[in-house]
Amino acid sequence: MARECGGVVLPHNHPASVPPSYRDFLTAASEENVKASVILGHDGSVWFVSIPNHLSAAIADALEDAHNRLAAQYGEFAEVKAVGEIAFENGKRNLFDFRRLR
């Protein structure tokens, strides 16, 4: 008998010890079975990203829309700008949970 998975947490590293990337947020938002991501920096930093299922499709769409809108103006930095725009709406962190744990 097969057992259904309740979801996975994706651990991975960021060798440059940078915060979660656009792709980290997009993966957490667009992959149904991903419940969270833990990002480990080589300097010992640890970041956590989690997006509630009921918001995941809307957040994935908002991230992609923001990236597409900002790409001409910001080029390779459009991903960073898109995350900042979606994560910090009205100056407050909202919509999804991300934090530095260490």
PDB file of N, CA and C in Angstrom:
ATOM      1  N   MET A   1       0.839  -1.177   0.000  1.00  0.00           N
ATOM      2  CA  MET A   1       0.000   0.000   0.000  1.00  0.00           C
ATOM      3  C   MET A   1       0.890   1.248   0.000  1.00  0.00           C
ATOM      4  N   ALA A   2       0.614   2.162  -0.897  1.00  0.00           N
ATOM      5  CA  ALA A   2       1.391   3.405  -1.010  1.00  0.00           C
ATOM      6  C   ALA A   2       0.952   4.400   0.059  1.00  0.00           C
ATOM      7  N   ARG A   3       1.912   5.130   0.570  1.00  0.00           N
ATOM      8  CA  ARG A   3       1.614   6.179   1.554  1.00  0.00           C
ATOM      9  C   ARG A   3       1.763   7.524   0.876  1.00  0.00           C
ATOM     10  N   GLU A   4       0.881   8.428   1.194  1.00  0.00           N
ATOM     11  CA  GLU A   4       0.937   9.762   0.622  1.00  0.00           C
ATOM     12  C   GLU A   4       1.870  10.643   1.447  1.00  0.00           C
ATOM     13  N   CYS A   5       2.699  11.381   0.760  1.00  0.00           N
ATOM     14  CA  CYS A   5       3.652  12.276   1.416  1.00  0.00           C
ATOM     15  C   CYS A   5       2.950  13.575   1.804  1.00  0.00           C
ATOM     16  N   GLY A   6       3.182  14.036   3.031  1.00  0.00           N
ATOM     17  CA  GLY A   6       2.582  15.283   3.495  1.00  0.00           C
ATOM     18  C   GLY A   6       3.333  16.506   3.010  1.00  0.00           C
ATOM     19  N   GLY A   7       4.460  16.303   2.388  1.00  0.00           N
ATOM     20  CA  GLY A   7       5.257  17.403   1.870  1.00  0.00           C
ATOM     21  C   GLY A   7       6.714  17.226   2.224  1.00  0.00           C
ATOM     22  N   VAL A   8       7.537  17.998   1.576  1.00  0.00           N
ATOM     23  CA  VAL A   8       8.974  17.912   1.790  1.00  0.00           C
ATOM     24  C   VAL A   8       9.549  19.275   2.159  1.00  0.00           C
ATOM     25  N   VAL A   9      10.674  19.219   2.842  1.00  0.00           N
ATOM     26  CA  VAL A   9      11.464  20.402   3.130  1.00  0.00           C
ATOM     27  C   VAL A   9      12.740  20.250   2.322  1.00  0.00           C
ATOM     28  N   LEU A  10      13.047  21.263   1.518  1.00  0.00           N
ATOM     29  CA  LEU A  10      14.228  21.206   0.659  1.00  0.00           C
ATOM     30  C   LEU A  10      15.416  21.884   1.323  1.00  0.00           C
ATOM     31  N   PRO A  11      16.384  21.125   1.786  1.00  0.00           N
ATOM     32  CA  PRO A  11      17.611  21.747   2.278  1.00  0.00           C
ATOM     33  C   PRO A  11      18.577  21.914   1.102  1.00  0.00           C
ATOM     34  N   HIS A  12      19.219  23.049   1.018  1.00  0.00           N
ATOM     35  CA  HIS A  12      20.253  23.243   0.003  1.00  0.00           C
ATOM     36  C   HIS A  12      21.182  24.359   0.443  1.00  0.00           C
ATOM     37  N   ASN A  13      22.300  24.485  -0.252  1.00  0.00           N
ATOM     38  CA  ASN A  13      23.278  25.476   0.166  1.00  0.00           C
ATOM     39  C   ASN A  13      23.350  26.665  -0.777  1.00  0.00           C
ATOM     40  N   HIS A  14      23.817  27.760  -0.225  1.00  0.00           N
ATOM     41  CA  HIS A  14      24.170  28.955  -0.988  1.00  0.00           C
ATOM     42  C   HIS A  14      25.632  29.233  -0.654  1.00  0.00           C
ATOM     43  N   PRO A  15      26.552  28.834  -1.520  1.00  0.00           N
ATOM     44  CA  PRO A  15      27.971  28.996  -1.226  1.00  0.00           C
ATOM     45  C   PRO A  15      28.370  30.436  -0.895  1.00  0.00           C
ATOM     46  N   ALA A  16      27.694  31.410  -1.480  1.00  0.00           N
ATOM     47  CA  ALA A  16      28.025  32.815  -1.214  1.00  0.00           C
ATOM     48  C   ALA A  16      27.326  33.332   0.044  1.00  0.00           C
ATOM     49  N   SER A  17      26.576  32.458   0.722  1.00  0.00           N
ATOM     50  CA  SER A  17      25.885  32.810   1.978  1.00  0.00           C
ATOM     51  C   SER A  17      24.873  33.936   1.811  1.00  0.00           C
ATOM     52  N   VAL A  18      24.203  33.971   0.664  1.00  0.00           N
ATOM     53  CA  VAL A  18      23.202  34.990   0.401  1.00  0.00           C
ATOM     54  C   VAL A  18      21.827  34.513   0.865  1.00  0.00           C
ATOM     55  N   PRO A  19      20.908  35.453   1.114  1.00  0.00           N
ATOM     56  CA  PRO A  19      19.545  35.084   1.518  1.00  0.00           C
ATOM     57  C   PRO A  19      18.830  34.278   0.425  1.00  0.00           C
ATOM     58  N   PRO A  20      17.638  33.794   0.733  1.00  0.00           N
ATOM     59  CA  PRO A  20      16.862  33.037  -0.260  1.00  0.00           C
ATOM     60  C   PRO A  20      16.723  33.815  -1.560  1.00  0.00           C
ATOM     61  N   SER A  21      16.796  33.096  -2.662  1.00  0.00           N
ATOM     62  CA  SER A  21      16.733  33.699  -3.985  1.00  0.00           C
ATOM     63  C   SER A  21      15.310  33.673  -4.548  1.00  0.00           C
ATOM     64  N   TYR A  22      15.154  34.356  -5.644  1.00  0.00           N
ATOM     65  CA  TYR A  22      13.897  34.337  -6.396  1.00  0.00           C
ATOM     66  C   TYR A  22      13.474  32.899  -6.675  1.00  0.00           C
ATOM     67  N   ARG A  23      14.410  32.074  -7.125  1.00  0.00           N
ATOM     68  CA  ARG A  23      14.099  30.669  -7.435  1.00  0.00           C
ATOM     69  C   ARG A  23      13.683  29.899  -6.189  1.00  0.00           C
ATOM     70  N   ASP A  24      14.264  30.217  -5.036  1.00  0.00           N
ATOM     71  CA  ASP A  24      13.855  29.557  -3.792  1.00  0.00           C
ATOM     72  C   ASP A  24      12.388  29.855  -3.499  1.00  0.00           C
ATOM     73  N   PHE A  25      12.006  31.123  -3.612  1.00  0.00           N
ATOM     74  CA  PHE A  25      10.614  31.506  -3.359  1.00  0.00           C
ATOM     75  C   PHE A  25       9.686  30.922  -4.418  1.00  0.00           C
ATOM     76  N   LEU A  26      10.096  30.994  -5.679  1.00  0.00           N
ATOM     77  CA  LEU A  26       9.256  30.482  -6.756  1.00  0.00           C
ATOM     78  C   LEU A  26       9.044  28.976  -6.631  1.00  0.00           C
ATOM     79  N   THR A  27      10.081  28.241  -6.270  1.00  0.00           N
ATOM     80  CA  THR A  27       9.948  26.793  -6.074  1.00  0.00           C
ATOM     81  C   THR A  27       8.995  26.487  -4.923  1.00  0.00           C
ATOM     82  N   ALA A  28       9.157  27.196  -3.811  1.00  0.00           N
ATOM     83  CA  ALA A  28       8.266  26.972  -2.662  1.00  0.00           C
ATOM     84  C   ALA A  28       6.822  27.306  -3.004  1.00  0.00           C
ATOM     85  N   ALA A  29       6.626  28.288  -3.879  1.00  0.00           N
ATOM     86  CA  ALA A  29       5.267  28.704  -4.241  1.00  0.00           C
ATOM     87  C   ALA A  29       4.648  27.823  -5.328  1.00  0.00           C
ATOM     88  N   SER A  30       5.458  27.297  -6.226  1.00  0.00           N
ATOM     89  CA  SER A  30       4.881  26.603  -7.378  1.00  0.00           C
ATOM     90  C   SER A  30       4.893  25.084  -7.286  1.00  0.00           C
ATOM     91  N   GLU A  31       5.669  24.533  -6.383  1.00  0.00           N
ATOM     92  CA  GLU A  31       5.722  23.071  -6.226  1.00  0.00           C
ATOM     93  C   GLU A  31       4.832  22.663  -5.053  1.00  0.00           C
ATOM     94  N   GLU A  32       3.746  21.995  -5.345  1.00  0.00           N
ATOM     95  CA  GLU A  32       2.729  21.656  -4.348  1.00  0.00           C
ATOM     96  C   GLU A  32       3.270  20.874  -3.154  1.00  0.00           C
ATOM     97  N   ASN A  33       4.210  19.976  -3.377  1.00  0.00           N
ATOM     98  CA  ASN A  33       4.718  19.141  -2.290  1.00  0.00           C
ATOM     99  C   ASN A  33       5.807  19.800  -1.456  1.00  0.00           C
ATOM    100  N   VAL A  34       6.296  20.954  -1.885  1.00  0.00           N
ATOM    101  CA  VAL A  34       7.337  21.646  -1.112  1.00  0.00           C
ATOM    102  C   VAL A  34       6.658  22.472  -0.032  1.00  0.00           C
ATOM    103  N   LYS A  35       6.924  22.116   1.198  1.00  0.00           N
ATOM    104  CA  LYS A  35       6.326  22.831   2.336  1.00  0.00           C
ATOM    105  C   LYS A  35       7.247  23.916   2.859  1.00  0.00           C
ATOM    106  N   ALA A  36       8.551  23.740   2.654  1.00  0.00           N
ATOM    107  CA  ALA A  36       9.513  24.734   3.121  1.00  0.00           C
ATOM    108  C   ALA A  36      10.854  24.465   2.468  1.00  0.00           C
ATOM    109  N   SER A  37      11.714  25.453   2.573  1.00  0.00           N
ATOM    110  CA  SER A  37      13.079  25.333   2.099  1.00  0.00           C
ATOM    111  C   SER A  37      14.000  25.872   3.182  1.00  0.00           C
ATOM    112  N   VAL A  38      15.090  25.166   3.414  1.00  0.00           N
ATOM    113  CA  VAL A  38      16.098  25.621   4.368  1.00  0.00           C
ATOM    114  C   VAL A  38      17.375  25.843   3.570  1.00  0.00           C
ATOM    115  N   ILE A  39      17.882  27.063   3.636  1.00  0.00           N
ATOM    116  CA  ILE A  39      19.063  27.442   2.875  1.00  0.00           C
ATOM    117  C   ILE A  39      20.232  27.614   3.840  1.00  0.00           C
ATOM    118  N   LEU A  40      21.322  26.910   3.562  1.00  0.00           N
ATOM    119  CA  LEU A  40      22.498  26.922   4.421  1.00  0.00           C
ATOM    120  C   LEU A  40      23.622  27.681   3.730  1.00  0.00           C
ATOM    121  N   GLY A  41      24.103  28.731   4.381  1.00  0.00           N
ATOM    122  CA  GLY A  41      25.224  29.491   3.840  1.00  0.00           C
ATOM    123  C   GLY A  41      26.536  28.926   4.336  1.00  0.00           C
ATOM    124  N   HIS A  42      27.575  29.104   3.563  1.00  0.00           N
ATOM    125  CA  HIS A  42      28.886  28.597   3.957  1.00  0.00           C
ATOM    126  C   HIS A  42      29.474  29.360   5.140  1.00  0.00           C
ATOM    127  N   ASP A  43      28.892  30.516   5.467  1.00  0.00           N
ATOM    128  CA  ASP A  43      29.342  31.260   6.646  1.00  0.00           C
ATOM    129  C   ASP A  43      28.595  30.845   7.912  1.00  0.00           C
ATOM    130  N   GLY A  44      27.750  29.813   7.808  1.00  0.00           N
ATOM    131  CA  GLY A  44      26.968  29.336   8.949  1.00  0.00           C
ATOM    132  C   GLY A  44      25.565  29.901   9.012  1.00  0.00           C
ATOM    133  N   SER A  45      25.223  30.802   8.096  1.00  0.00           N
ATOM    134  CA  SER A  45      23.873  31.363   8.091  1.00  0.00           C
ATOM    135  C   SER A  45      22.866  30.293   7.680  1.00  0.00           C
ATOM    136  N   VAL A  46      21.661  30.411   8.222  1.00  0.00           N
ATOM    137  CA  VAL A  46      20.572  29.476   7.910  1.00  0.00           C
ATOM    138  C   VAL A  46      19.315  30.299   7.683  1.00  0.00           C
ATOM    139  N   TRP A  47      18.690  30.098   6.538  1.00  0.00           N
ATOM    140  CA  TRP A  47      17.452  30.793   6.179  1.00  0.00           C
ATOM    141  C   TRP A  47      16.328  29.778   6.024  1.00  0.00           C
ATOM    142  N   PHE A  48      15.103  30.215   6.295  1.00  0.00           N
ATOM    143  CA  PHE A  48      13.907  29.375   6.196  1.00  0.00           C
ATOM    144  C   PHE A  48      12.889  30.082   5.316  1.00  0.00           C
ATOM    145  N   VAL A  49      12.285  29.352   4.387  1.00  0.00           N
ATOM    146  CA  VAL A  49      11.238  29.881   3.506  1.00  0.00           C
ATOM    147  C   VAL A  49      10.056  28.923   3.543  1.00  0.00           C
ATOM    148  N   SER A  50       8.852  29.461   3.743  1.00  0.00           N
ATOM    149  CA  SER A  50       7.644  28.648   3.700  1.00  0.00           C
ATOM    150  C   SER A  50       6.501  29.504   3.158  1.00  0.00           C
ATOM    151  N   ILE A  51       5.719  28.924   2.271  1.00  0.00           N
ATOM    152  CA  ILE A  51       4.584  29.626   1.674  1.00  0.00           C
ATOM    153  C   ILE A  51       3.338  28.772   1.888  1.00  0.00           C
ATOM    154  N   PRO A  52       2.313  29.343   2.525  1.00  0.00           N
ATOM    155  CA  PRO A  52       1.089  28.565   2.772  1.00  0.00           C
ATOM    156  C   PRO A  52       0.443  28.099   1.464  1.00  0.00           C
ATOM    157  N   ASN A  53      -0.068  26.876   1.472  1.00  0.00           N
ATOM    158  CA  ASN A  53      -0.683  26.318   0.264  1.00  0.00           C
ATOM    159  C   ASN A  53      -1.773  27.204  -0.320  1.00  0.00           C
ATOM    160  N   HIS A  54      -2.582  27.817   0.534  1.00  0.00           N
ATOM    161  CA  HIS A  54      -3.699  28.607   0.013  1.00  0.00           C
ATOM    162  C   HIS A  54      -3.231  29.888  -0.689  1.00  0.00           C
ATOM    163  N   LEU A  55      -1.962  30.275  -0.511  1.00  0.00           N
ATOM    164  CA  LEU A  55      -1.424  31.467  -1.173  1.00  0.00           C
ATOM    165  C   LEU A  55      -0.427  31.139  -2.273  1.00  0.00           C
ATOM    166  N   SER A  56      -0.033  29.883  -2.380  1.00  0.00           N
ATOM    167  CA  SER A  56       1.092  29.539  -3.242  1.00  0.00           C
ATOM    168  C   SER A  56       0.890  29.912  -4.708  1.00  0.00           C
ATOM    169  N   ALA A  57      -0.263  29.618  -5.293  1.00  0.00           N
ATOM    170  CA  ALA A  57      -0.480  29.946  -6.705  1.00  0.00           C
ATOM    171  C   ALA A  57      -0.462  31.453  -6.921  1.00  0.00           C
ATOM    172  N   ALA A  58      -1.089  32.199  -6.031  1.00  0.00           N
ATOM    173  CA  ALA A  58      -1.119  33.659  -6.161  1.00  0.00           C
ATOM    174  C   ALA A  58       0.274  34.255  -6.015  1.00  0.00           C
ATOM    175  N   ILE A  59       1.071  33.712  -5.105  1.00  0.00           N
ATOM    176  CA  ILE A  59       2.422  34.231  -4.905  1.00  0.00           C
ATOM    177  C   ILE A  59       3.315  33.878  -6.087  1.00  0.00           C
ATOM    178  N   ALA A  60       3.211  32.664  -6.602  1.00  0.00           N
ATOM    179  CA  ALA A  60       3.993  32.283  -7.782  1.00  0.00           C
ATOM    180  C   ALA A  60       3.668  33.211  -8.950  1.00  0.00           C
ATOM    181  N   ASP A  61       2.387  33.472  -9.171  1.00  0.00           N
ATOM    182  CA  ASP A  61       1.980  34.374 -10.249  1.00  0.00           C
ATOM    183  C   ASP A  61       2.490  35.789 -10.013  1.00  0.00           C
ATOM    184  N   ALA A  62       2.381  36.267  -8.776  1.00  0.00           N
ATOM    185  CA  ALA A  62       2.831  37.625  -8.454  1.00  0.00           C
ATOM    186  C   ALA A  62       4.337  37.765  -8.641  1.00  0.00           C
ATOM    187  N   LEU A  63       5.100  36.755  -8.241  1.00  0.00           N
ATOM    188  CA  LEU A  63       6.551  36.793  -8.434  1.00  0.00           C
ATOM    189  C   LEU A  63       6.908  36.844  -9.913  1.00  0.00           C
ATOM    190  N   GLU A  64       6.295  35.990 -10.697  1.00  0.00           N
ATOM    191  CA  GLU A  64       6.591  35.975 -12.131  1.00  0.00           C
ATOM    192  C   GLU A  64       6.163  37.271 -12.805  1.00  0.00           C
ATOM    193  N   ASP A  65       4.999  37.794 -12.436  1.00  0.00           N
ATOM    194  CA  ASP A  65       4.534  39.065 -13.009  1.00  0.00           C
ATOM    195  C   ASP A  65       5.488  40.204 -12.661  1.00  0.00           C
ATOM    196  N   ALA A  66       5.903  40.262 -11.397  1.00  0.00           N
ATOM    197  CA  ALA A  66       6.821  41.319 -10.966  1.00  0.00           C
ATOM    198  C   ALA A  66       8.154  41.183 -11.697  1.00  0.00           C
ATOM    199  N   HIS A  67       8.659  39.976 -11.815  1.00  0.00           N
ATOM    200  CA  HIS A  67       9.924  39.770 -12.520  1.00  0.00           C
ATOM    201  C   HIS A  67       9.821  40.226 -13.971  1.00  0.00           C
ATOM    202  N   ASN A  68       8.765  39.821 -14.650  1.00  0.00           N
ATOM    203  CA  ASN A  68       8.595  40.193 -16.057  1.00  0.00           C
ATOM    204  C   ASN A  68       8.469  41.702 -16.227  1.00  0.00           C
ATOM    205  N   ARG A  69       7.785  42.352 -15.324  1.00  0.00           N
ATOM    206  CA  ARG A  69       7.599  43.798 -15.389  1.00  0.00           C
ATOM    207  C   ARG A  69       8.901  44.545 -15.105  1.00  0.00           C
ATOM    208  N   LEU A  70       9.730  44.002 -14.218  1.00  0.00           N
ATOM    209  CA  LEU A  70      10.952  44.678 -13.788  1.00  0.00           C
ATOM    210  C   LEU A  70      12.182  44.311 -14.618  1.00  0.00           C
ATOM    211  N   ALA A  71      12.099  43.281 -15.447  1.00  0.00           N
ATOM    212  CA  ALA A  71      13.263  42.765 -16.167  1.00  0.00           C
ATOM    213  C   ALA A  71      13.916  43.807 -17.075  1.00  0.00           C
ATOM    214  N   ALA A  72      13.128  44.573 -17.806  1.00  0.00           N
ATOM    215  CA  ALA A  72      13.716  45.562 -18.720  1.00  0.00           C
ATOM    216  C   ALA A  72      14.476  46.644 -17.963  1.00  0.00           C
ATOM    217  N   GLN A  73      13.964  47.042 -16.823  1.00  0.00           N
ATOM    218  CA  GLN A  73      14.588  48.112 -16.049  1.00  0.00           C
ATOM    219  C   GLN A  73      15.788  47.636 -15.228  1.00  0.00           C
ATOM    220  N   TYR A  74      15.695  46.453 -14.627  1.00  0.00           N
ATOM    221  CA  TYR A  74      16.720  46.006 -13.686  1.00  0.00           C
ATOM    222  C   TYR A  74      17.596  44.862 -14.185  1.00  0.00           C
ATOM    223  N   GLY A  75      17.281  44.297 -15.340  1.00  0.00           N
ATOM    224  CA  GLY A  75      18.106  43.221 -15.902  1.00  0.00           C
ATOM    225  C   GLY A  75      18.265  42.064 -14.943  1.00  0.00           C
ATOM    226  N   GLU A  76      19.519  41.685 -14.673  1.00  0.00           N
ATOM    227  CA  GLU A  76      19.782  40.523 -13.825  1.00  0.00           C
ATOM    228  C   GLU A  76      19.359  40.723 -12.374  1.00  0.00           C
ATOM    229  N   PHE A  77      19.079  41.958 -11.968  1.00  0.00           N
ATOM    230  CA  PHE A  77      18.637  42.229 -10.603  1.00  0.00           C
ATOM    231  C   PHE A  77      17.109  42.225 -10.467  1.00  0.00           C
ATOM    232  N   ALA A  78      16.406  41.926 -11.549  1.00  0.00           N
ATOM    233  CA  ALA A  78      14.938  41.900 -11.514  1.00  0.00           C
ATOM    234  C   ALA A  78      14.411  40.862 -10.534  1.00  0.00           C
ATOM    235  N   GLU A  79      15.116  39.747 -10.395  1.00  0.00           N
ATOM    236  CA  GLU A  79      14.671  38.709  -9.464  1.00  0.00           C
ATOM    237  C   GLU A  79      14.702  39.224  -8.031  1.00  0.00           C
ATOM    238  N   VAL A  80      15.776  39.924  -7.668  1.00  0.00           N
ATOM    239  CA  VAL A  80      15.897  40.478  -6.318  1.00  0.00           C
ATOM    240  C   VAL A  80      14.806  41.517  -6.082  1.00  0.00           C
ATOM    241  N   LYS A  81      14.579  42.368  -7.058  1.00  0.00           N
ATOM    242  CA  LYS A  81      13.544  43.399  -6.936  1.00  0.00           C
ATOM    243  C   LYS A  81      12.159  42.786  -6.828  1.00  0.00           C
ATOM    244  N   ALA A  82      11.901  41.723  -7.589  1.00  0.00           N
ATOM    245  CA  ALA A  82      10.593  41.066  -7.559  1.00  0.00           C
ATOM    246  C   ALA A  82      10.319  40.466  -6.186  1.00  0.00           C
ATOM    247  N   VAL A  83      11.312  39.792  -5.619  1.00  0.00           N
ATOM    248  CA  VAL A  83      11.141  39.216  -4.282  1.00  0.00           C
ATOM    249  C   VAL A  83      10.880  40.318  -3.272  1.00  0.00           C
ATOM    250  N   GLY A  84      11.669  41.379  -3.327  1.00  0.00           N
ATOM    251  CA  GLY A  84      11.486  42.493  -2.395  1.00  0.00           C
ATOM    252  C   GLY A  84      10.109  43.121  -2.515  1.00  0.00           C
ATOM    253  N   GLU A  85       9.640  43.262  -3.731  1.00  0.00           N
ATOM    254  CA  GLU A  85       8.324  43.866  -3.952  1.00  0.00           C
ATOM    255  C   GLU A  85       7.201  43.000  -3.387  1.00  0.00           C
ATOM    256  N   ILE A  86       7.276  41.708  -3.606  1.00  0.00           N
ATOM    257  CA  ILE A  86       6.222  40.805  -3.147  1.00  0.00           C
ATOM    258  C   ILE A  86       6.339  40.541  -1.646  1.00  0.00           C
ATOM    259  N   ALA A  87       7.547  40.381  -1.161  1.00  0.00           N
ATOM    260  CA  ALA A  87       7.746  40.054   0.251  1.00  0.00           C
ATOM    261  C   ALA A  87       7.434  41.220   1.177  1.00  0.00           C
ATOM    262  N   PHE A  88       7.732  42.426   0.736  1.00  0.00           N
ATOM    263  CA  PHE A  88       7.579  43.587   1.607  1.00  0.00           C
ATOM    264  C   PHE A  88       6.551  44.555   1.036  1.00  0.00           C
ATOM    265  N   GLU A  89       5.336  44.101   0.934  1.00  0.00           N
ATOM    266  CA  GLU A  89       4.251  44.940   0.444  1.00  0.00           C
ATOM    267  C   GLU A  89       3.863  45.941   1.531  1.00  0.00           C
ATOM    268  N   ASN A  90       3.771  47.182   1.185  1.00  0.00           N
ATOM    269  CA  ASN A  90       3.422  48.253   2.122  1.00  0.00           C
ATOM    270  C   ASN A  90       4.407  48.355   3.286  1.00  0.00           C
ATOM    271  N   GLY A  91       5.678  48.026   3.033  1.00  0.00           N
ATOM    272  CA  GLY A  91       6.700  48.164   4.058  1.00  0.00           C
ATOM    273  C   GLY A  91       6.686  47.097   5.133  1.00  0.00           C
ATOM    274  N   LYS A  92       5.799  46.109   5.018  1.00  0.00           N
ATOM    275  CA  LYS A  92       5.715  45.054   6.027  1.00  0.00           C
ATOM    276  C   LYS A  92       5.933  43.708   5.362  1.00  0.00           C
ATOM    277  N   ARG A  93       6.608  42.820   6.062  1.00  0.00           N
ATOM    278  CA  ARG A  93       6.785  41.466   5.539  1.00  0.00           C
ATOM    279  C   ARG A  93       5.436  40.765   5.619  1.00  0.00           C
ATOM    280  N   ASN A  94       5.016  40.206   4.521  1.00  0.00           N
ATOM    281  CA  ASN A  94       3.735  39.506   4.514  1.00  0.00           C
ATOM    282  C   ASN A  94       3.710  38.425   3.437  1.00  0.00           C
ATOM    283  N   LEU A  95       2.613  37.806   3.264  1.00  0.00           N
ATOM    284  CA  LEU A  95       2.341  36.800   2.251  1.00  0.00           C
ATOM    285  C   LEU A  95       3.049  35.466   2.468  1.00  0.00           C
ATOM    286  N   PHE A  96       4.300  35.477   2.835  1.00  0.00           N
ATOM    287  CA  PHE A  96       4.981  34.218   3.082  1.00  0.00           C
ATOM    288  C   PHE A  96       5.981  34.389   4.212  1.00  0.00           C
ATOM    289  N   ASP A  97       6.420  33.276   4.738  1.00  0.00           N
ATOM    290  CA  ASP A  97       7.316  33.280   5.890  1.00  0.00           C
ATOM    291  C   ASP A  97       8.741  33.042   5.418  1.00  0.00           C
ATOM    292  N   PHE A  98       9.592  33.996   5.639  1.00  0.00           N
ATOM    293  CA  PHE A  98      11.016  33.744   5.452  1.00  0.00           C
ATOM    294  C   PHE A  98      11.765  34.494   6.544  1.00  0.00           C
ATOM    295  N   ARG A  99      12.779  33.820   7.042  1.00  0.00           N
ATOM    296  CA  ARG A  99      13.530  34.414   8.143  1.00  0.00           C
ATOM    297  C   ARG A  99      14.921  33.816   8.224  1.00  0.00           C
ATOM    298  N   ARG A 100      15.790  34.596   8.798  1.00  0.00           N
ATOM    299  CA  ARG A 100      17.137  34.082   9.068  1.00  0.00           C
ATOM    300  C   ARG A 100      17.091  33.415  10.425  1.00  0.00           C
ATOM    301  N   LEU A 101      17.453  32.156  10.466  1.00  0.00           N
ATOM    302  CA  LEU A 101      17.446  31.405  11.712  1.00  0.00           C
ATOM    303  C   LEU A 101      18.784  31.496  12.438  1.00  0.00           C
ATOM    304  N   ARG A 102      19.815  31.737  11.662  1.00  0.00           N
ATOM    305  CA  ARG A 102      21.150  31.843  12.262  1.00  0.00           C
ATOM    306  C   ARG A 102      22.030  32.718  11.419  1.00  0.00           C
TER     307      ARG A 102
END
